[in-house]
């Protein structure tokens, strides 16, 4: 057994415990500060609900990070200091947005600053696995920038149902934990385990019917830390497979957001304009209940994560089995929906 397993468990459970404890506290803070989500035409809530629950996730993450910082040398570097600076900025931005509803262009500007801070501190995608190094060697910065900005907004866009973003982020973080464990990146394993614990601690009060939602405070923070976690653990160790593995590990938010952007461009609409075309909206409109839709999306995210792990260990036959299981699952879901009609 890995000699660091106690460290991994400590990272997970400290983050989990603090997040679980802080969630009702953050609910009261949200109400006091006026961070309330009111019913919208495309939303799923019929009553106002506190929406700054992401602060609990952040508290769980920071508590575990601070406690374990003396043990993990990588957590005392300029690179990690840059990450923490970006994390704090993105959380403050999310809190202000949850309270005051900020301008989208201003939020994007701050996200750009956060991505540049991460890049400047040394958090960059490794592009040494790419061919034509004379051309691609300078792509690490631009790829990192796109990856961070993209994931920040991807997680934000899937946060449309109770428990969806928190649950999917937990699954993604656990997948990244496994990938980093396989590659032997101790600090990245701890980092990913902290993310998973923080999300899971928030989930009991966020699952349908939710007492509190994470708001932009949580969704943008989770997008940011998942992006950084994948750069720290996946892009460093899987050479030519790293891009495919990273995308599969975070498949649901990435593909849902990509299709949303393509759909809006084809329809002549601004890519930042909200709509009811996301996968969770389509499942709800197809007749699935709130909980059924969330569980289906959990399953899709988990299967994609398992494929990423199998790809990392070069178990290609098992990948075919998992894909076959996914096809069967999709068929059974279709039949079940038809029986409900």
Protein backbone atom coordinates (compact mmCIF):
# COMPACT_ATOMS: atom_id res chain seq x y z
CA UNK A 1 0.00 0.00 0.00
CA UNK A 2 1.16 3.53 -0.76
CA UNK A 3 2.91 4.89 2.36
CA UNK A 4 1.12 8.22 1.85
CA UNK A 5 -2.40 6.83 2.11
CA UNK A 6 -2.95 8.41 5.54
CA UNK A 7 -2.01 11.77 4.05
CA UNK A 8 -4.55 11.31 1.26
CA UNK A 9 -7.27 10.29 3.72
CA UNK A 10 -6.46 13.24 5.99
CA UNK A 11 -6.68 15.63 3.02
CA UNK A 12 -10.07 14.27 2.00
CA UNK A 13 -11.69 14.09 5.44
CA UNK A 14 -10.44 17.45 6.75
CA UNK A 15 -11.85 19.16 3.67
CA UNK A 16 -15.05 17.11 3.91
CA UNK A 17 -15.59 17.87 7.61
CA UNK A 18 -14.97 21.60 7.35
CA UNK A 19 -17.17 21.93 4.25
CA UNK A 20 -19.96 19.92 5.91
CA UNK A 21 -19.80 22.07 9.05
CA UNK A 22 -19.57 25.37 7.19
CA UNK A 23 -22.47 24.79 4.80
CA UNK A 24 -25.26 25.82 7.24
CA UNK A 25 -23.06 28.69 8.43
CA UNK A 26 -22.69 29.90 4.85
CA UNK A 27 -26.44 29.57 4.39
CA UNK A 28 -26.95 32.10 7.19
CA UNK A 29 -24.21 34.33 5.76
CA UNK A 30 -25.88 34.22 2.33
CA UNK A 31 -29.21 35.29 3.78
CA UNK A 32 -27.62 38.07 5.82
CA UNK A 33 -25.69 39.45 2.81
CA UNK A 34 -28.62 39.13 0.43
CA UNK A 35 -26.96 36.47 -1.74
CA UNK A 36 -30.28 34.96 -2.82
CA UNK A 37 -31.19 33.28 -6.11
CA UNK A 38 -34.71 34.24 -7.16
CA UNK A 39 -36.82 32.12 -9.55
CA UNK A 40 -36.01 32.58 -13.27
CA UNK A 41 -37.82 31.50 -16.40
CA UNK A 42 -35.06 29.02 -17.29
CA UNK A 43 -34.25 28.11 -13.67
CA UNK A 44 -35.39 25.09 -11.67
CA UNK A 45 -36.32 26.75 -8.37
CA UNK A 46 -39.81 28.02 -7.62
CA UNK A 47 -38.76 29.82 -4.42
CA UNK A 48 -35.82 32.05 -3.45
CA UNK A 49 -32.78 30.10 -2.21
CA UNK A 50 -29.43 31.15 -0.62
CA UNK A 51 -26.72 30.97 -3.29
CA UNK A 52 -23.34 31.52 -1.70
CA UNK A 53 -22.78 27.92 -0.61
CA UNK A 54 -19.55 27.79 -2.57
CA UNK A 55 -17.97 29.63 0.34
CA UNK A 56 -18.27 26.40 2.36
CA UNK A 57 -16.42 24.51 -0.37
CA UNK A 58 -13.70 27.16 -0.35
CA UNK A 59 -13.42 26.99 3.47
CA UNK A 60 -13.04 23.21 3.35
CA UNK A 61 -10.40 23.49 0.66
CA UNK A 62 -8.41 26.21 2.44
CA UNK A 63 -8.58 24.52 5.86
CA UNK A 64 -7.15 21.27 4.52
CA UNK A 65 -4.55 23.11 2.43
CA UNK A 66 -3.31 25.23 5.36
CA UNK A 67 -3.15 22.23 7.71
CA UNK A 68 -1.21 20.11 5.21
CA UNK A 69 1.01 22.89 3.85
CA UNK A 70 3.92 22.15 6.25
CA UNK A 71 3.93 18.51 5.05
CA UNK A 72 3.81 19.08 1.27
CA UNK A 73 6.92 20.93 -0.01
CA UNK A 74 5.21 21.82 -3.30
CA UNK A 75 2.63 23.82 -1.34
CA UNK A 76 5.34 26.29 -0.30
CA UNK A 77 6.41 27.34 -3.78
CA UNK A 78 5.85 30.42 -5.93
CA UNK A 79 3.72 28.28 -8.20
CA UNK A 80 1.33 27.35 -5.41
CA UNK A 81 1.30 30.92 -4.08
CA UNK A 82 0.16 32.03 -7.54
CA UNK A 83 -2.58 29.43 -7.49
CA UNK A 84 -3.83 30.55 -4.06
CA UNK A 85 -3.84 34.20 -5.13
CA UNK A 86 -5.95 33.29 -8.15
CA UNK A 87 -8.28 31.15 -6.02
CA UNK A 88 -8.91 33.96 -3.55
CA UNK A 89 -9.59 36.45 -6.36
CA UNK A 90 -12.02 34.09 -8.11
CA UNK A 91 -13.89 33.39 -4.85
CA UNK A 92 -14.19 37.10 -4.01
CA UNK A 93 -15.45 37.72 -7.55
CA UNK A 94 -18.02 34.94 -7.15
CA UNK A 95 -19.22 36.27 -3.80
CA UNK A 96 -19.69 39.77 -5.22
CA UNK A 97 -21.55 38.33 -8.20
CA UNK A 98 -23.83 36.27 -5.94
CA UNK A 99 -24.69 39.40 -3.97
CA UNK A 100 -24.76 42.13 -6.62
CA UNK A 101 -24.96 40.32 -10.05
CA UNK A 102 -21.89 41.69 -11.82
CA UNK A 103 -21.45 42.53 -15.49
CA UNK A 104 -20.42 39.48 -17.58
CA UNK A 105 -17.59 41.35 -19.33
CA UNK A 106 -16.14 42.46 -15.99
CA UNK A 107 -16.25 38.87 -14.70
CA UNK A 108 -14.46 37.63 -17.82
CA UNK A 109 -11.80 40.31 -17.36
CA UNK A 110 -11.12 39.15 -13.79
CA UNK A 111 -11.01 35.53 -14.94
CA UNK A 112 -8.39 36.51 -17.51
CA UNK A 113 -6.32 38.16 -14.76
CA UNK A 114 -6.61 34.99 -12.64
CA UNK A 115 -5.48 32.79 -15.55
CA UNK A 116 -2.50 35.09 -16.23
CA UNK A 117 -1.49 34.99 -12.54
CA UNK A 118 -1.49 31.18 -12.68
CA UNK A 119 0.57 31.14 -15.86
CA UNK A 120 3.03 33.75 -14.58
CA UNK A 121 3.57 31.70 -11.39
CA UNK A 122 4.54 28.65 -13.47
CA UNK A 123 1.29 26.69 -13.75
CA UNK A 124 1.40 25.74 -17.43
CA UNK A 125 0.40 22.81 -19.62
CA UNK A 126 3.35 20.65 -20.65
CA UNK A 127 3.45 20.66 -24.46
CA UNK A 128 6.61 18.57 -24.85
CA UNK A 129 4.48 15.61 -25.98
CA UNK A 130 3.21 17.50 -29.03
CA UNK A 131 4.79 16.98 -32.46
CA UNK A 132 6.53 19.76 -34.43
CA UNK A 133 8.20 21.26 -31.36
CA UNK A 134 9.61 24.16 -33.39
CA UNK A 135 6.03 25.35 -33.78
CA UNK A 136 4.28 24.01 -30.66
CA UNK A 137 6.88 24.71 -27.95
CA UNK A 138 5.37 28.16 -27.33
CA UNK A 139 1.80 26.90 -27.01
CA UNK A 140 1.93 26.04 -23.30
CA UNK A 141 0.87 29.52 -22.19
CA UNK A 142 -2.05 29.92 -24.64
CA UNK A 143 -3.26 26.34 -24.00
CA UNK A 144 -3.14 26.92 -20.23
CA UNK A 145 -5.04 30.18 -20.62
CA UNK A 146 -7.80 28.55 -22.69
CA UNK A 147 -7.96 25.53 -20.34
CA UNK A 148 -8.38 27.64 -17.18
CA UNK A 149 -10.88 30.13 -18.64
CA UNK A 150 -12.79 27.31 -20.32
CA UNK A 151 -13.16 25.17 -17.20
CA UNK A 152 -14.09 28.11 -14.98
CA UNK A 153 -17.05 28.79 -17.26
CA UNK A 154 -17.80 25.13 -18.01
CA UNK A 155 -18.46 24.24 -14.37
CA UNK A 156 -20.40 27.48 -13.98
CA UNK A 157 -22.68 26.56 -16.89
CA UNK A 158 -23.53 23.06 -15.65
CA UNK A 159 -24.59 24.46 -12.26
CA UNK A 160 -28.25 24.38 -13.23
CA UNK A 161 -29.74 21.66 -11.02
CA UNK A 162 -29.53 20.92 -7.31
CA UNK A 163 -26.44 18.85 -6.63
CA UNK A 164 -25.30 18.67 -10.25
CA UNK A 165 -22.15 20.80 -10.22
CA UNK A 166 -21.11 19.62 -6.74
CA UNK A 167 -21.61 15.95 -7.61
CA UNK A 168 -19.98 16.12 -11.03
CA UNK A 169 -17.05 18.07 -9.57
CA UNK A 170 -16.67 15.39 -6.87
CA UNK A 171 -16.56 12.68 -9.53
CA UNK A 172 -14.09 14.67 -11.64
CA UNK A 173 -11.88 15.33 -8.61
CA UNK A 174 -11.92 11.64 -7.59
CA UNK A 175 -10.97 10.71 -11.15
CA UNK A 176 -8.08 13.19 -11.07
CA UNK A 177 -7.07 11.78 -7.68
CA UNK A 178 -6.83 8.30 -9.19
CA UNK A 179 -4.89 9.55 -12.22
CA UNK A 180 -2.42 11.48 -10.07
CA UNK A 181 -2.04 8.44 -7.79
CA UNK A 182 -1.22 6.23 -10.78
CA UNK A 183 1.37 8.73 -11.98
CA UNK A 184 2.94 9.05 -8.51
CA UNK A 185 2.31 12.79 -8.08
CA UNK A 186 1.84 12.93 -4.27
CA UNK A 187 1.10 16.66 -4.05
CA UNK A 188 -1.40 16.44 -6.92
CA UNK A 189 -3.14 13.47 -5.26
CA UNK A 190 -3.54 15.49 -2.06
CA UNK A 191 -4.73 18.51 -4.02
CA UNK A 192 -7.38 16.52 -5.90
CA UNK A 193 -8.49 14.69 -2.74
CA UNK A 194 -9.04 18.04 -1.02
CA UNK A 195 -11.25 19.19 -3.90
CA UNK A 196 -13.28 15.97 -3.74
CA UNK A 197 -13.73 16.20 0.03
CA UNK A 198 -14.78 19.86 -0.12
CA UNK A 199 -17.43 19.16 -2.78
CA UNK A 200 -18.77 16.06 -1.07
CA UNK A 201 -19.12 17.87 2.25
CA UNK A 202 -21.34 20.47 0.57
CA UNK A 203 -23.48 17.95 -1.32
CA UNK A 204 -25.85 16.74 1.48
CA UNK A 205 -27.51 20.16 1.77
CA UNK A 206 -27.22 20.86 -1.94
CA UNK A 207 -28.84 17.71 -3.35
CA UNK A 208 -32.46 18.02 -4.41
CA UNK A 209 -34.37 19.54 -2.69
CA UNK A 210 -31.49 21.89 -1.94
CA UNK A 211 -31.26 24.11 1.13
CA UNK A 212 -28.52 26.16 -0.49
CA UNK A 213 -26.79 26.33 -3.88
CA UNK A 214 -23.12 27.05 -4.53
CA UNK A 215 -23.62 30.09 -6.77
CA UNK A 216 -20.77 31.61 -8.75
CA UNK A 217 -18.71 31.55 -5.54
CA UNK A 218 -18.52 27.77 -5.81
CA UNK A 219 -18.87 27.01 -9.52
CA UNK A 220 -16.13 29.37 -10.74
CA UNK A 221 -13.81 28.32 -7.90
CA UNK A 222 -14.33 24.64 -8.70
CA UNK A 223 -13.71 25.23 -12.39
CA UNK A 224 -10.47 27.00 -11.52
CA UNK A 225 -9.14 24.39 -9.09
CA UNK A 226 -10.10 21.47 -11.35
CA UNK A 227 -8.23 23.16 -14.20
CA UNK A 228 -5.12 23.66 -12.06
CA UNK A 229 -5.35 20.16 -10.59
CA UNK A 230 -5.43 18.57 -14.04
CA UNK A 231 -2.41 20.64 -15.13
CA UNK A 232 -0.47 19.62 -12.01
CA UNK A 233 -1.21 15.92 -12.28
CA UNK A 234 -2.42 14.83 -15.71
CA UNK A 235 -0.63 17.04 -18.23
CA UNK A 236 2.73 16.38 -16.53
CA UNK A 237 2.73 12.62 -16.78
CA UNK A 238 0.80 11.06 -19.63
CA UNK A 239 2.68 12.38 -22.68
CA UNK A 240 0.70 12.06 -25.89
CA UNK A 241 -2.38 10.72 -24.04
CA UNK A 242 -2.55 13.64 -21.61
CA UNK A 243 -4.97 15.77 -23.62
CA UNK A 244 -7.44 12.91 -24.15
CA UNK A 245 -7.20 11.81 -20.50
CA UNK A 246 -7.69 15.33 -19.14
CA UNK A 247 -10.70 15.96 -21.40
CA UNK A 248 -12.29 12.60 -20.47
CA UNK A 249 -11.71 13.20 -16.75
CA UNK A 250 -13.66 16.46 -17.03
CA UNK A 251 -15.86 15.38 -19.94
CA UNK A 252 -19.33 16.50 -18.88
CA UNK A 253 -18.66 20.21 -18.25
CA UNK A 254 -16.30 20.43 -21.24
CA UNK A 255 -18.62 18.88 -23.82
CA UNK A 256 -21.80 20.49 -22.50
CA UNK A 257 -20.16 23.93 -22.69
CA UNK A 258 -18.61 23.25 -26.10
CA UNK A 259 -21.94 22.21 -27.57
CA UNK A 260 -23.62 25.23 -25.97
CA UNK A 261 -21.14 27.58 -27.66
CA UNK A 262 -21.53 25.85 -31.04
CA UNK A 263 -25.32 25.92 -30.72
CA UNK A 264 -25.38 29.64 -29.95
CA UNK A 265 -23.01 30.50 -32.78
CA UNK A 266 -25.10 28.52 -35.27
CA UNK A 267 -28.25 30.25 -34.01
CA UNK A 268 -26.63 33.67 -34.28
CA UNK A 269 -26.75 34.32 -30.53
CA UNK A 270 -24.02 35.62 -28.21
CA UNK A 271 -22.02 32.70 -26.80
CA UNK A 272 -22.46 34.04 -23.24
CA UNK A 273 -26.25 34.29 -23.54
CA UNK A 274 -28.00 31.83 -21.22
CA UNK A 275 -30.53 29.38 -22.63
CA UNK A 276 -32.31 26.10 -21.89
CA UNK A 277 -30.27 24.04 -24.32
CA UNK A 278 -27.90 22.42 -21.83
CA UNK A 279 -27.99 18.66 -21.39
CA UNK A 280 -29.66 18.86 -17.98
CA UNK A 281 -32.40 21.09 -19.43
CA UNK A 282 -32.94 18.66 -22.31
CA UNK A 283 -33.29 15.71 -19.94
CA UNK A 284 -35.76 17.61 -17.77
CA UNK A 285 -37.77 18.63 -20.86
CA UNK A 286 -37.69 14.98 -22.03
CA UNK A 287 -39.62 13.95 -18.93
CA UNK A 288 -36.99 12.94 -16.39
CA UNK A 289 -37.35 14.17 -12.83
CA UNK A 290 -34.82 16.50 -11.20
CA UNK A 291 -33.15 13.65 -9.28
CA UNK A 292 -33.21 11.25 -12.24
CA UNK A 293 -31.51 13.82 -14.45
CA UNK A 294 -28.77 14.48 -11.90
CA UNK A 295 -28.13 10.76 -11.39
CA UNK A 296 -27.96 10.16 -15.17
CA UNK A 297 -25.38 12.93 -15.50
CA UNK A 298 -23.42 11.56 -12.53
CA UNK A 299 -23.31 8.20 -14.33
CA UNK A 300 -22.12 9.75 -17.59
CA UNK A 301 -19.41 11.69 -15.78
CA UNK A 302 -18.30 8.60 -13.84
CA UNK A 303 -18.12 6.44 -16.98
CA UNK A 304 -16.04 9.06 -18.77
CA UNK A 305 -13.76 9.21 -15.73
CA UNK A 306 -13.35 5.43 -15.67
CA UNK A 307 -12.43 5.46 -19.37
CA UNK A 308 -9.81 8.14 -18.63
CA UNK A 309 -8.30 5.98 -15.88
CA UNK A 310 -8.29 2.88 -18.10
CA UNK A 311 -6.66 4.90 -20.87
CA UNK A 312 -3.98 6.02 -18.41
CA UNK A 313 -3.11 2.40 -17.55
CA UNK A 314 -3.35 1.37 -21.24
CA UNK A 315 -6.22 -1.07 -20.64
CA UNK A 316 -7.79 -0.67 -24.07
CA UNK A 317 -9.97 -3.80 -23.95
CA UNK A 318 -11.58 -2.58 -20.75
CA UNK A 319 -12.27 0.74 -22.47
CA UNK A 320 -14.32 -1.07 -25.10
CA UNK A 321 -16.27 -2.83 -22.35
CA UNK A 322 -17.00 0.46 -20.59
CA UNK A 323 -18.09 2.10 -23.86
CA UNK A 324 -20.38 -0.88 -24.48
CA UNK A 325 -21.82 -0.44 -21.00
CA UNK A 326 -22.40 3.24 -21.76
CA UNK A 327 -24.31 2.35 -24.94
CA UNK A 328 -26.46 -0.13 -23.00
CA UNK A 329 -27.06 2.46 -20.29
CA UNK A 330 -28.14 5.03 -22.90
CA UNK A 331 -30.49 2.50 -24.52
CA UNK A 332 -32.07 1.54 -21.17
CA UNK A 333 -32.51 5.21 -20.31
CA UNK A 334 -34.26 5.80 -23.65
CA UNK A 335 -36.57 2.80 -23.11
CA UNK A 336 -37.33 3.94 -19.57
CA UNK A 337 -38.27 7.41 -20.77
CA UNK A 338 -40.54 5.93 -23.47
CA UNK A 339 -42.32 3.83 -20.87
CA UNK A 340 -43.03 6.98 -18.88
CA UNK A 341 -44.59 8.74 -21.90
